[in-house]
Amino acid sequence: MRIINTGAFVAQYFYIEDHNFTIVEVDGVFTEPEEASLIYVAVAQRYSILFTTKASTDRNYGLVTIADQVLLDGIPDTLVLNQTNWLQYNSSATFDPVNVTLNIADENPAFDDYSLVPYDKQPLLENPTKIINLTVSMGILENGKPYAFFNDQTYVHPKVPSLYTALTAGELATNEAVYGEHTNSFVLNHLEVVEVTLTNNDGGSKFLSTIPTVCFCFRLLRNSLQLLSYTAPSTSIVHESIVLTASQVTPSIFISITSKSSAVIQPMVKTSTHSQITPYPQLSIPTTTPHSLSIQCAATL
């Protein structure tokens, strides 16, 4: 079964009533098989799971999704947070409503996917030749709307699309300034290993420090990430994405990337999931104590 969160907002919990399943892939990365009964699917995130059907066909079972209401400032009366589709065993049997009892307001009961390990066991990238420091924060602009910021700049679309600029700027294509004043552009050389340090400066929390009201999804399109270490136990990782959860202790994430060709990276931030734990780990990291975290990815732009 292939699971994809196609929503723009918010993350979803997913489970199959009275069934366990085996996770075998996350965001294009095959993993060592791990059994689970509930997963947390971030916006645009993808899972592949395997499950065994029951021998009996006397009833049908719900395919349940639950919107992460912790991410919402308010819940309209018309908004339905829980949705049920059906795993049909018997068309003549009833489709009884699923009794949803998960407590997602005070905890994240989903599978702790820090334990997932990539199937290919790709060696870690080494010796970064470039370091990029990015500080993530939230703020209110003059129009009264909230925005996310990298290094105190919120993303503004350049007048000319970046790909067009890269193809037409000639020798200036390696000058980051030509890609726009508020794009936070970084030019990477061919086969360059780049370490990116992400620091989450948003400390808002409605409940515990591990259950924030604001967190960030950092995505490098068409890149594979390698998780190495982290600085706060509430930090979370998504393959091709890095989810930084807000906490009382400012977490930092370190990333290394290798560009297979010259590339221009323009990171963008959006509010996304909380307590998201979707990994691309290369080594076992306990989640009960603070650590340092590094991530590596291979750029294929």
C-alpha atoms as a PDB file:
ATOM      1  CA  MET A   1       0.000   0.000   0.000  1.00  0.00           C
ATOM      2  CA  ARG A   2       1.295   3.454  -0.963  1.00  0.00           C
ATOM      3  CA  ILE A   3       0.369   6.322   1.384  1.00  0.00           C
ATOM      4  CA  ILE A   4       0.816   9.955   0.300  1.00  0.00           C
ATOM      5  CA  ASN A   5      -0.280  13.090   2.164  1.00  0.00           C
ATOM      6  CA  THR A   6      -1.394  15.302  -0.726  1.00  0.00           C
ATOM      7  CA  GLY A   7      -2.726  18.077   1.512  1.00  0.00           C
ATOM      8  CA  ALA A   8      -1.222  21.544   1.762  1.00  0.00           C
ATOM      9  CA  PHE A   9      -1.777  21.445   5.539  1.00  0.00           C
ATOM     10  CA  VAL A  10      -1.829  19.550   7.983  1.00  0.00           C
ATOM     11  CA  ALA A  11      -0.067  16.289   8.851  1.00  0.00           C
ATOM     12  CA  GLN A  12      -2.163  13.150   9.299  1.00  0.00           C
ATOM     13  CA  TYR A  13      -2.074  10.097  11.522  1.00  0.00           C
ATOM     14  CA  PHE A  14      -2.872   6.882   9.629  1.00  0.00           C
ATOM     15  CA  TYR A  15      -3.805   3.388  10.719  1.00  0.00           C
ATOM     16  CA  ILE A  16      -5.755   0.344   9.560  1.00  0.00           C
ATOM     17  CA  GLU A  17      -8.302  -0.821  12.104  1.00  0.00           C
ATOM     18  CA  ASP A  18      -7.218  -4.044  13.857  1.00  0.00           C
ATOM     19  CA  HIS A  19      -4.258  -4.528  11.485  1.00  0.00           C
ATOM     20  CA  ASN A  20      -0.510  -4.132  11.862  1.00  0.00           C
ATOM     21  CA  PHE A  21       1.692  -3.404   8.866  1.00  0.00           C
ATOM     22  CA  THR A  22       5.340  -3.328   7.843  1.00  0.00           C
ATOM     23  CA  ILE A  23       7.062  -0.103   6.738  1.00  0.00           C
ATOM     24  CA  VAL A  24       9.399  -0.761   3.783  1.00  0.00           C
ATOM     25  CA  GLU A  25       9.928   2.697   2.243  1.00  0.00           C
ATOM     26  CA  VAL A  26       9.762   6.382   3.190  1.00  0.00           C
ATOM     27  CA  ASP A  27      10.023   9.234   0.672  1.00  0.00           C
ATOM     28  CA  GLY A  28      11.695   7.119  -1.978  1.00  0.00           C
ATOM     29  CA  VAL A  29      14.150   5.410   0.380  1.00  0.00           C
ATOM     30  CA  PHE A  30      13.708   1.684   0.920  1.00  0.00           C
ATOM     31  CA  THR A  31      14.152   0.773   4.577  1.00  0.00           C
ATOM     32  CA  GLU A  32      14.779  -2.316   6.622  1.00  0.00           C
ATOM     33  CA  PRO A  33      11.279  -3.707   7.398  1.00  0.00           C
ATOM     34  CA  GLU A  34       9.750  -2.413  10.619  1.00  0.00           C
ATOM     35  CA  GLU A  35       6.342  -3.346  12.025  1.00  0.00           C
ATOM     36  CA  ALA A  36       3.942  -0.584  13.060  1.00  0.00           C
ATOM     37  CA  SER A  37       0.266   0.024  13.723  1.00  0.00           C
ATOM     38  CA  LEU A  38       0.142   3.840  13.443  1.00  0.00           C
ATOM     39  CA  ILE A  39       2.233   6.313  11.427  1.00  0.00           C
ATOM     40  CA  TYR A  40       2.447  10.107  11.244  1.00  0.00           C
ATOM     41  CA  VAL A  41       2.430  11.369   7.655  1.00  0.00           C
ATOM     42  CA  ALA A  42       3.716  14.909   7.080  1.00  0.00           C
ATOM     43  CA  VAL A  43       2.521  17.098   4.227  1.00  0.00           C
ATOM     44  CA  ALA A  44       3.877  15.682   0.928  1.00  0.00           C
ATOM     45  CA  GLN A  45       5.375  12.711   2.738  1.00  0.00           C
ATOM     46  CA  ARG A  46       5.170   9.192   1.294  1.00  0.00           C
ATOM     47  CA  TYR A  47       5.150   5.757   2.875  1.00  0.00           C
ATOM     48  CA  SER A  48       5.069   2.247   1.436  1.00  0.00           C
ATOM     49  CA  ILE A  49       3.697  -0.445   3.731  1.00  0.00           C
ATOM     50  CA  LEU A  50       2.957  -4.155   3.494  1.00  0.00           C
ATOM     51  CA  PHE A  51       0.226  -5.897   5.470  1.00  0.00           C
ATOM     52  CA  THR A  52      -1.346  -9.345   5.650  1.00  0.00           C
ATOM     53  CA  THR A  53      -5.103  -9.628   5.326  1.00  0.00           C
ATOM     54  CA  LYS A  54      -7.129 -11.681   7.770  1.00  0.00           C
ATOM     55  CA  ALA A  55      -8.342 -15.191   7.079  1.00  0.00           C
ATOM     56  CA  SER A  56     -11.898 -14.290   8.064  1.00  0.00           C
ATOM     57  CA  THR A  57     -14.123 -12.164   5.824  1.00  0.00           C
ATOM     58  CA  ASP A  58     -16.972 -11.626   8.257  1.00  0.00           C
ATOM     59  CA  ARG A  59     -16.416  -7.870   8.656  1.00  0.00           C
ATOM     60  CA  ASN A  60     -14.838  -4.776   7.110  1.00  0.00           C
ATOM     61  CA  TYR A  61     -12.162  -2.553   8.657  1.00  0.00           C
ATOM     62  CA  GLY A  62     -11.577   1.187   8.631  1.00  0.00           C
ATOM     63  CA  LEU A  63      -8.672   2.957   6.943  1.00  0.00           C
ATOM     64  CA  VAL A  64      -8.426   5.885   9.340  1.00  0.00           C
ATOM     65  CA  THR A  65      -6.772   9.296   8.966  1.00  0.00           C
ATOM     66  CA  ILE A  66      -6.728  11.842  11.786  1.00  0.00           C
ATOM     67  CA  ALA A  67      -5.684  15.445  11.135  1.00  0.00           C
ATOM     68  CA  ASP A  68      -3.105  16.766  13.589  1.00  0.00           C
ATOM     69  CA  GLN A  69      -5.278  19.368  15.281  1.00  0.00           C
ATOM     70  CA  VAL A  70      -2.360  20.615  17.405  1.00  0.00           C
ATOM     71  CA  LEU A  71      -1.129  22.451  14.293  1.00  0.00           C
ATOM     72  CA  LEU A  72      -4.357  24.452  13.980  1.00  0.00           C
ATOM     73  CA  ASP A  73      -4.866  27.790  15.744  1.00  0.00           C
ATOM     74  CA  GLY A  74      -8.611  27.188  15.636  1.00  0.00           C
ATOM     75  CA  ILE A  75     -10.929  24.382  14.578  1.00  0.00           C
ATOM     76  CA  PRO A  76     -14.064  25.479  12.680  1.00  0.00           C
ATOM     77  CA  ASP A  77     -17.282  23.679  13.568  1.00  0.00           C
ATOM     78  CA  THR A  78     -17.538  22.438   9.980  1.00  0.00           C
ATOM     79  CA  LEU A  79     -14.055  20.898   9.916  1.00  0.00           C
ATOM     80  CA  VAL A  80     -14.047  17.090  10.151  1.00  0.00           C
ATOM     81  CA  LEU A  81     -10.726  15.979  11.639  1.00  0.00           C
ATOM     82  CA  ASN A  82     -11.221  12.214  11.355  1.00  0.00           C
ATOM     83  CA  GLN A  83     -11.852  10.473   8.042  1.00  0.00           C
ATOM     84  CA  THR A  84     -12.575   6.793   7.404  1.00  0.00           C
ATOM     85  CA  ASN A  85     -12.286   4.784   4.224  1.00  0.00           C
ATOM     86  CA  TRP A  86     -12.698   1.037   4.177  1.00  0.00           C
ATOM     87  CA  LEU A  87     -10.701  -2.108   3.762  1.00  0.00           C
ATOM     88  CA  GLN A  88     -13.517  -4.205   2.352  1.00  0.00           C
ATOM     89  CA  TYR A  89     -13.521  -7.912   3.083  1.00  0.00           C
ATOM     90  CA  ASN A  90     -17.233  -8.492   2.567  1.00  0.00           C
ATOM     91  CA  SER A  91     -19.534  -6.263   0.521  1.00  0.00           C
ATOM     92  CA  SER A  92     -22.525  -7.653   2.405  1.00  0.00           C
ATOM     93  CA  ALA A  93     -21.093  -6.877   5.841  1.00  0.00           C
ATOM     94  CA  THR A  94     -21.729  -3.579   7.605  1.00  0.00           C
ATOM     95  CA  PHE A  95     -19.365  -0.593   7.549  1.00  0.00           C
ATOM     96  CA  ASP A  96     -19.453   0.287  11.222  1.00  0.00           C
ATOM     97  CA  PRO A  97     -18.013   3.636  12.391  1.00  0.00           C
ATOM     98  CA  VAL A  98     -14.508   3.381  13.841  1.00  0.00           C
ATOM     99  CA  ASN A  99     -14.164   4.370  17.485  1.00  0.00           C
ATOM    100  CA  VAL A 100     -11.123   6.689  17.446  1.00  0.00           C
ATOM    101  CA  THR A 101      -9.529   6.903  20.898  1.00  0.00           C
ATOM    102  CA  LEU A 102      -6.047   8.255  20.112  1.00  0.00           C
ATOM    103  CA  ASN A 103      -4.745  11.050  22.338  1.00  0.00           C
ATOM    104  CA  ILE A 104      -2.861  13.275  19.897  1.00  0.00           C
ATOM    105  CA  ALA A 105      -3.276  16.536  21.809  1.00  0.00           C
ATOM    106  CA  ASP A 106      -0.755  15.661  24.525  1.00  0.00           C
ATOM    107  CA  GLU A 107       1.523  13.147  22.825  1.00  0.00           C
ATOM    108  CA  ASN A 108       2.571  11.635  19.518  1.00  0.00           C
ATOM    109  CA  PRO A 109       1.463   7.987  19.663  1.00  0.00           C
ATOM    110  CA  ALA A 110       2.731   7.163  16.144  1.00  0.00           C
ATOM    111  CA  PHE A 111       5.555   4.773  15.271  1.00  0.00           C
ATOM    112  CA  ASP A 112       8.954   6.171  16.276  1.00  0.00           C
ATOM    113  CA  ASP A 113      10.526   6.083  12.844  1.00  0.00           C
ATOM    114  CA  TYR A 114      13.932   7.209  14.050  1.00  0.00           C
ATOM    115  CA  SER A 115      14.448   3.463  14.234  1.00  0.00           C
ATOM    116  CA  LEU A 116      14.113   3.056  10.463  1.00  0.00           C
ATOM    117  CA  VAL A 117      17.373   2.256   8.669  1.00  0.00           C
ATOM    118  CA  PRO A 118      17.921   2.631   4.888  1.00  0.00           C
ATOM    119  CA  TYR A 119      18.106  -0.674   3.080  1.00  0.00           C
ATOM    120  CA  ASP A 120      21.079   0.306   0.889  1.00  0.00           C
ATOM    121  CA  LYS A 121      23.393   1.185   3.827  1.00  0.00           C
ATOM    122  CA  GLN A 122      24.946   3.992   1.770  1.00  0.00           C
ATOM    123  CA  PRO A 123      28.241   5.182   3.317  1.00  0.00           C
ATOM    124  CA  LEU A 124      28.199   8.629   4.877  1.00  0.00           C
ATOM    125  CA  LEU A 125      29.448  11.571   2.873  1.00  0.00           C
ATOM    126  CA  GLU A 126      32.675  13.032   4.205  1.00  0.00           C
ATOM    127  CA  ASN A 127      34.793  16.197   4.247  1.00  0.00           C
ATOM    128  CA  PRO A 128      32.348  19.020   3.448  1.00  0.00           C
ATOM    129  CA  THR A 129      33.990  21.821   1.463  1.00  0.00           C
ATOM    130  CA  LYS A 130      31.310  24.446   2.026  1.00  0.00           C
ATOM    131  CA  ILE A 131      29.284  25.430   5.111  1.00  0.00           C
ATOM    132  CA  ILE A 132      25.911  27.207   4.971  1.00  0.00           C
ATOM    133  CA  ASN A 133      24.328  28.517   8.183  1.00  0.00           C
ATOM    134  CA  LEU A 134      20.556  29.006   8.214  1.00  0.00           C
ATOM    135  CA  THR A 135      18.502  30.318  11.119  1.00  0.00           C
ATOM    136  CA  VAL A 136      14.761  29.578  10.974  1.00  0.00           C
ATOM    137  CA  SER A 137      12.226  31.836  12.688  1.00  0.00           C
ATOM    138  CA  MET A 138       8.637  33.087  12.490  1.00  0.00           C
ATOM    139  CA  GLY A 139       7.413  36.690  12.404  1.00  0.00           C
ATOM    140  CA  ILE A 140       4.511  39.008  11.586  1.00  0.00           C
ATOM    141  CA  LEU A 141       4.948  41.462   8.700  1.00  0.00           C
ATOM    142  CA  GLU A 142       3.180  44.793   8.190  1.00  0.00           C
ATOM    143  CA  ASN A 143       0.211  43.094   6.527  1.00  0.00           C
ATOM    144  CA  GLY A 144      -0.501  41.323   9.829  1.00  0.00           C
ATOM    145  CA  LYS A 145       0.169  37.847   8.457  1.00  0.00           C
ATOM    146  CA  PRO A 146       2.672  35.317   9.839  1.00  0.00           C
ATOM    147  CA  TYR A 147       5.707  34.395   7.759  1.00  0.00           C
ATOM    148  CA  ALA A 148       8.650  32.046   8.117  1.00  0.00           C
ATOM    149  CA  PHE A 149      12.188  33.392   7.741  1.00  0.00           C
ATOM    150  CA  PHE A 150      15.642  32.119   6.841  1.00  0.00           C
ATOM    151  CA  ASN A 151      18.330  34.405   8.278  1.00  0.00           C
ATOM    152  CA  ASP A 152      15.664  37.071   8.951  1.00  0.00           C
ATOM    153  CA  GLN A 153      14.478  37.032   5.316  1.00  0.00           C
ATOM    154  CA  THR A 154      11.192  35.567   4.134  1.00  0.00           C
ATOM    155  CA  TYR A 155      11.184  34.065   0.649  1.00  0.00           C
ATOM    156  CA  VAL A 156      10.053  36.294  -2.224  1.00  0.00           C
ATOM    157  CA  HIS A 157       9.723  34.864  -5.741  1.00  0.00           C
ATOM    158  CA  PRO A 158      12.389  36.340  -8.030  1.00  0.00           C
ATOM    159  CA  LYS A 159      11.231  38.310 -11.067  1.00  0.00           C
ATOM    160  CA  VAL A 160      12.928  35.729 -13.304  1.00  0.00           C
ATOM    161  CA  PRO A 161      12.632  32.018 -12.410  1.00  0.00           C
ATOM    162  CA  SER A 162      15.931  30.736 -11.041  1.00  0.00           C
ATOM    163  CA  LEU A 163      16.360  28.076 -13.729  1.00  0.00           C
ATOM    164  CA  TYR A 164      16.026  30.695 -16.471  1.00  0.00           C
ATOM    165  CA  THR A 165      18.592  32.867 -14.706  1.00  0.00           C
ATOM    166  CA  ALA A 166      21.029  29.965 -14.366  1.00  0.00           C
ATOM    167  CA  LEU A 167      20.708  29.160 -18.089  1.00  0.00           C
ATOM    168  CA  THR A 168      20.997  32.722 -19.385  1.00  0.00           C
ATOM    169  CA  ALA A 169      23.270  34.601 -16.973  1.00  0.00           C
ATOM    170  CA  GLY A 170      26.512  33.253 -18.431  1.00  0.00           C
ATOM    171  CA  GLU A 171      29.494  33.774 -16.146  1.00  0.00           C
ATOM    172  CA  LEU A 172      27.211  35.544 -13.638  1.00  0.00           C
ATOM    173  CA  ALA A 173      25.275  32.303 -13.069  1.00  0.00           C
ATOM    174  CA  THR A 174      27.600  31.468 -10.164  1.00  0.00           C
ATOM    175  CA  ASN A 175      26.910  34.844  -8.520  1.00  0.00           C
ATOM    176  CA  GLU A 176      24.239  34.255  -5.878  1.00  0.00           C
ATOM    177  CA  ALA A 177      23.094  37.887  -6.081  1.00  0.00           C
ATOM    178  CA  VAL A 178      21.562  37.448  -9.561  1.00  0.00           C
ATOM    179  CA  TYR A 179      18.899  35.084  -8.219  1.00  0.00           C
ATOM    180  CA  GLY A 180      17.041  37.712  -6.221  1.00  0.00           C
ATOM    181  CA  GLU A 181      17.479  39.744  -3.070  1.00  0.00           C
ATOM    182  CA  HIS A 182      15.106  37.718  -0.878  1.00  0.00           C
ATOM    183  CA  THR A 183      15.615  34.190  -2.207  1.00  0.00           C
ATOM    184  CA  ASN A 184      18.422  32.999   0.087  1.00  0.00           C
ATOM    185  CA  SER A 185      20.162  31.442  -2.907  1.00  0.00           C
ATOM    186  CA  PHE A 186      23.294  29.316  -2.590  1.00  0.00           C
ATOM    187  CA  VAL A 187      25.369  28.203  -5.579  1.00  0.00           C
ATOM    188  CA  LEU A 188      26.957  24.761  -5.286  1.00  0.00           C
ATOM    189  CA  ASN A 189      29.874  23.592  -7.389  1.00  0.00           C
ATOM    190  CA  HIS A 190      30.005  20.265  -9.178  1.00  0.00           C
ATOM    191  CA  LEU A 191      30.412  17.340  -6.720  1.00  0.00           C
ATOM    192  CA  GLU A 192      30.807  19.743  -3.818  1.00  0.00           C
ATOM    193  CA  VAL A 193      30.036  18.379  -0.351  1.00  0.00           C
ATOM    194  CA  VAL A 194      28.146  21.046   1.571  1.00  0.00           C
ATOM    195  CA  GLU A 195      27.332  21.140   5.271  1.00  0.00           C
ATOM    196  CA  VAL A 196      24.171  23.084   6.128  1.00  0.00           C
ATOM    197  CA  THR A 197      23.530  24.094   9.734  1.00  0.00           C
ATOM    198  CA  LEU A 198      19.858  24.724  10.545  1.00  0.00           C
ATOM    199  CA  THR A 199      18.996  26.451  13.802  1.00  0.00           C
ATOM    200  CA  ASN A 200      15.362  26.702  14.896  1.00  0.00           C
ATOM    201  CA  ASN A 201      14.882  29.991  16.740  1.00  0.00           C
ATOM    202  CA  ASP A 202      11.149  29.588  17.292  1.00  0.00           C
ATOM    203  CA  GLY A 203      10.456  28.515  20.861  1.00  0.00           C
ATOM    204  CA  GLY A 204       6.658  28.533  20.948  1.00  0.00           C
ATOM    205  CA  SER A 205       5.042  25.593  22.742  1.00  0.00           C
ATOM    206  CA  LYS A 206       1.426  25.003  23.698  1.00  0.00           C
ATOM    207  CA  PHE A 207       2.018  21.928  25.843  1.00  0.00           C
ATOM    208  CA  LEU A 208       5.426  20.322  26.351  1.00  0.00           C
ATOM    209  CA  SER A 209       8.628  21.372  24.657  1.00  0.00           C
ATOM    210  CA  THR A 210       8.317  18.300  22.440  1.00  0.00           C
ATOM    211  CA  ILE A 211       4.805  19.270  21.290  1.00  0.00           C
ATOM    212  CA  PRO A 212       5.227  22.671  19.637  1.00  0.00           C
ATOM    213  CA  THR A 213       2.626  24.923  18.086  1.00  0.00           C
ATOM    214  CA  VAL A 214       5.037  25.808  15.290  1.00  0.00           C
ATOM    215  CA  CYS A 215       7.602  23.697  13.501  1.00  0.00           C
ATOM    216  CA  PHE A 216       9.271  23.810  10.131  1.00  0.00           C
ATOM    217  CA  CYS A 217       9.631  21.506   7.152  1.00  0.00           C
ATOM    218  CA  PHE A 218      12.892  21.965   5.255  1.00  0.00           C
ATOM    219  CA  ARG A 219      13.004  20.253   1.877  1.00  0.00           C
ATOM    220  CA  LEU A 220      15.778  19.847  -0.638  1.00  0.00           C
ATOM    221  CA  LEU A 221      14.004  18.561  -3.714  1.00  0.00           C
ATOM    222  CA  ARG A 222      15.536  15.535  -5.439  1.00  0.00           C
ATOM    223  CA  ASN A 223      18.036  15.036  -2.635  1.00  0.00           C
ATOM    224  CA  SER A 224      18.628  12.141  -0.268  1.00  0.00           C
ATOM    225  CA  LEU A 225      19.498  12.972   3.334  1.00  0.00           C
ATOM    226  CA  GLN A 226      21.762  11.143   5.737  1.00  0.00           C
ATOM    227  CA  LEU A 227      21.064  11.702   9.413  1.00  0.00           C
ATOM    228  CA  LEU A 228      24.157  11.764  11.638  1.00  0.00           C
ATOM    229  CA  SER A 229      23.445  13.495  14.937  1.00  0.00           C
ATOM    230  CA  TYR A 230      21.224  16.087  16.580  1.00  0.00           C
ATOM    231  CA  THR A 231      21.286  18.653  19.386  1.00  0.00           C
ATOM    232  CA  ALA A 232      17.810  18.401  20.882  1.00  0.00           C
ATOM    233  CA  PRO A 233      15.652  15.335  21.540  1.00  0.00           C
ATOM    234  CA  SER A 234      12.627  17.013  19.909  1.00  0.00           C
ATOM    235  CA  THR A 235      14.384  17.453  16.559  1.00  0.00           C
ATOM    236  CA  SER A 236      12.875  15.388  13.751  1.00  0.00           C
ATOM    237  CA  ILE A 237      13.973  14.323  10.291  1.00  0.00           C
ATOM    238  CA  VAL A 238      12.208  13.539   7.047  1.00  0.00           C
ATOM    239  CA  HIS A 239      13.981  11.997   4.081  1.00  0.00           C
ATOM    240  CA  GLU A 240      14.323  14.815   1.529  1.00  0.00           C
ATOM    241  CA  SER A 241      12.901  17.020   4.265  1.00  0.00           C
ATOM    242  CA  ILE A 242      14.058  18.137   7.675  1.00  0.00           C
ATOM    243  CA  VAL A 243      11.363  18.900  10.192  1.00  0.00           C
ATOM    244  CA  LEU A 244      12.550  21.121  13.025  1.00  0.00           C
ATOM    245  CA  THR A 245      10.213  21.077  15.994  1.00  0.00           C
ATOM    246  CA  ALA A 246      10.084  24.158  18.192  1.00  0.00           C
ATOM    247  CA  SER A 247      11.170  23.620  21.774  1.00  0.00           C
ATOM    248  CA  GLN A 248      12.343  25.495  24.817  1.00  0.00           C
ATOM    249  CA  VAL A 249      15.889  24.556  23.883  1.00  0.00           C
ATOM    250  CA  THR A 250      16.775  25.885  20.442  1.00  0.00           C
ATOM    251  CA  PRO A 251      17.580  22.845  18.295  1.00  0.00           C
ATOM    252  CA  SER A 252      20.121  22.865  15.501  1.00  0.00           C
ATOM    253  CA  ILE A 253      20.522  20.457  12.599  1.00  0.00           C
ATOM    254  CA  PHE A 254      23.635  19.968  10.516  1.00  0.00           C
ATOM    255  CA  ILE A 255      23.393  18.762   6.932  1.00  0.00           C
ATOM    256  CA  SER A 256      25.977  17.788   4.371  1.00  0.00           C
ATOM    257  CA  ILE A 257      25.080  17.552   0.695  1.00  0.00           C
ATOM    258  CA  THR A 258      26.948  16.500  -2.411  1.00  0.00           C
ATOM    259  CA  SER A 259      25.885  18.163  -5.662  1.00  0.00           C
ATOM    260  CA  LYS A 260      26.210  15.847  -8.657  1.00  0.00           C
ATOM    261  CA  SER A 261      26.178  18.887 -10.908  1.00  0.00           C
ATOM    262  CA  SER A 262      26.341  22.630 -10.377  1.00  0.00           C
ATOM    263  CA  ALA A 263      23.200  23.631  -8.522  1.00  0.00           C
ATOM    264  CA  VAL A 264      21.338  26.607  -7.119  1.00  0.00           C
ATOM    265  CA  ILE A 265      19.488  25.851  -3.878  1.00  0.00           C
ATOM    266  CA  GLN A 266      16.771  28.199  -2.624  1.00  0.00           C
ATOM    267  CA  PRO A 267      15.467  26.801   0.684  1.00  0.00           C
ATOM    268  CA  MET A 268      11.884  27.704   1.577  1.00  0.00           C
ATOM    269  CA  VAL A 269      10.141  27.163   4.906  1.00  0.00           C
ATOM    270  CA  LYS A 270       6.506  26.507   5.752  1.00  0.00           C
ATOM    271  CA  THR A 271       4.736  25.564   8.942  1.00  0.00           C
ATOM    272  CA  SER A 272       4.274  21.823   8.907  1.00  0.00           C
ATOM    273  CA  THR A 273       4.251  18.996  11.420  1.00  0.00           C
ATOM    274  CA  HIS A 274       4.887  18.583  15.130  1.00  0.00           C
ATOM    275  CA  SER A 275       6.916  15.868  16.807  1.00  0.00           C
ATOM    276  CA  GLN A 276       7.496  14.478  13.312  1.00  0.00           C
ATOM    277  CA  ILE A 277       9.888  11.552  13.311  1.00  0.00           C
ATOM    278  CA  THR A 278      10.550  10.406   9.763  1.00  0.00           C
ATOM    279  CA  PRO A 279      14.166   9.451   9.314  1.00  0.00           C
ATOM    280  CA  TYR A 280      16.978   8.666   7.021  1.00  0.00           C
ATOM    281  CA  PRO A 281      19.340   7.513   9.797  1.00  0.00           C
ATOM    282  CA  GLN A 282      22.717   5.951   9.166  1.00  0.00           C
ATOM    283  CA  LEU A 283      23.451   5.057  12.769  1.00  0.00           C
ATOM    284  CA  SER A 284      21.519   4.274  15.914  1.00  0.00           C
ATOM    285  CA  ILE A 285      20.724   7.367  17.977  1.00  0.00           C
ATOM    286  CA  PRO A 286      18.889   7.147  21.316  1.00  0.00           C
ATOM    287  CA  THR A 287      15.983   9.580  21.562  1.00  0.00           C
ATOM    288  CA  THR A 288      15.938   9.942  25.337  1.00  0.00           C
ATOM    289  CA  THR A 289      18.960  12.209  25.703  1.00  0.00           C
ATOM    290  CA  PRO A 290      20.217  15.274  23.821  1.00  0.00           C
ATOM    291  CA  HIS A 291      22.630  14.655  20.959  1.00  0.00           C
ATOM    292  CA  SER A 292      24.162  16.474  18.032  1.00  0.00           C
ATOM    293  CA  LEU A 293      22.623  15.866  14.619  1.00  0.00           C
ATOM    294  CA  SER A 294      24.128  15.951  11.160  1.00  0.00           C
ATOM    295  CA  ILE A 295      22.401  15.162   7.900  1.00  0.00           C
ATOM    296  CA  GLN A 296      23.895  14.588   4.486  1.00  0.00           C
ATOM    297  CA  CYS A 297      22.192  14.582   1.119  1.00  0.00           C
ATOM    298  CA  ALA A 298      23.272  14.089  -2.479  1.00  0.00           C
ATOM    299  CA  ALA A 299      22.068  16.935  -4.676  1.00  0.00           C
ATOM    300  CA  THR A 300      20.962  15.823  -8.130  1.00  0.00           C
ATOM    301  CA  LEU A 301      19.924  19.165  -9.587  1.00  0.00           C
END
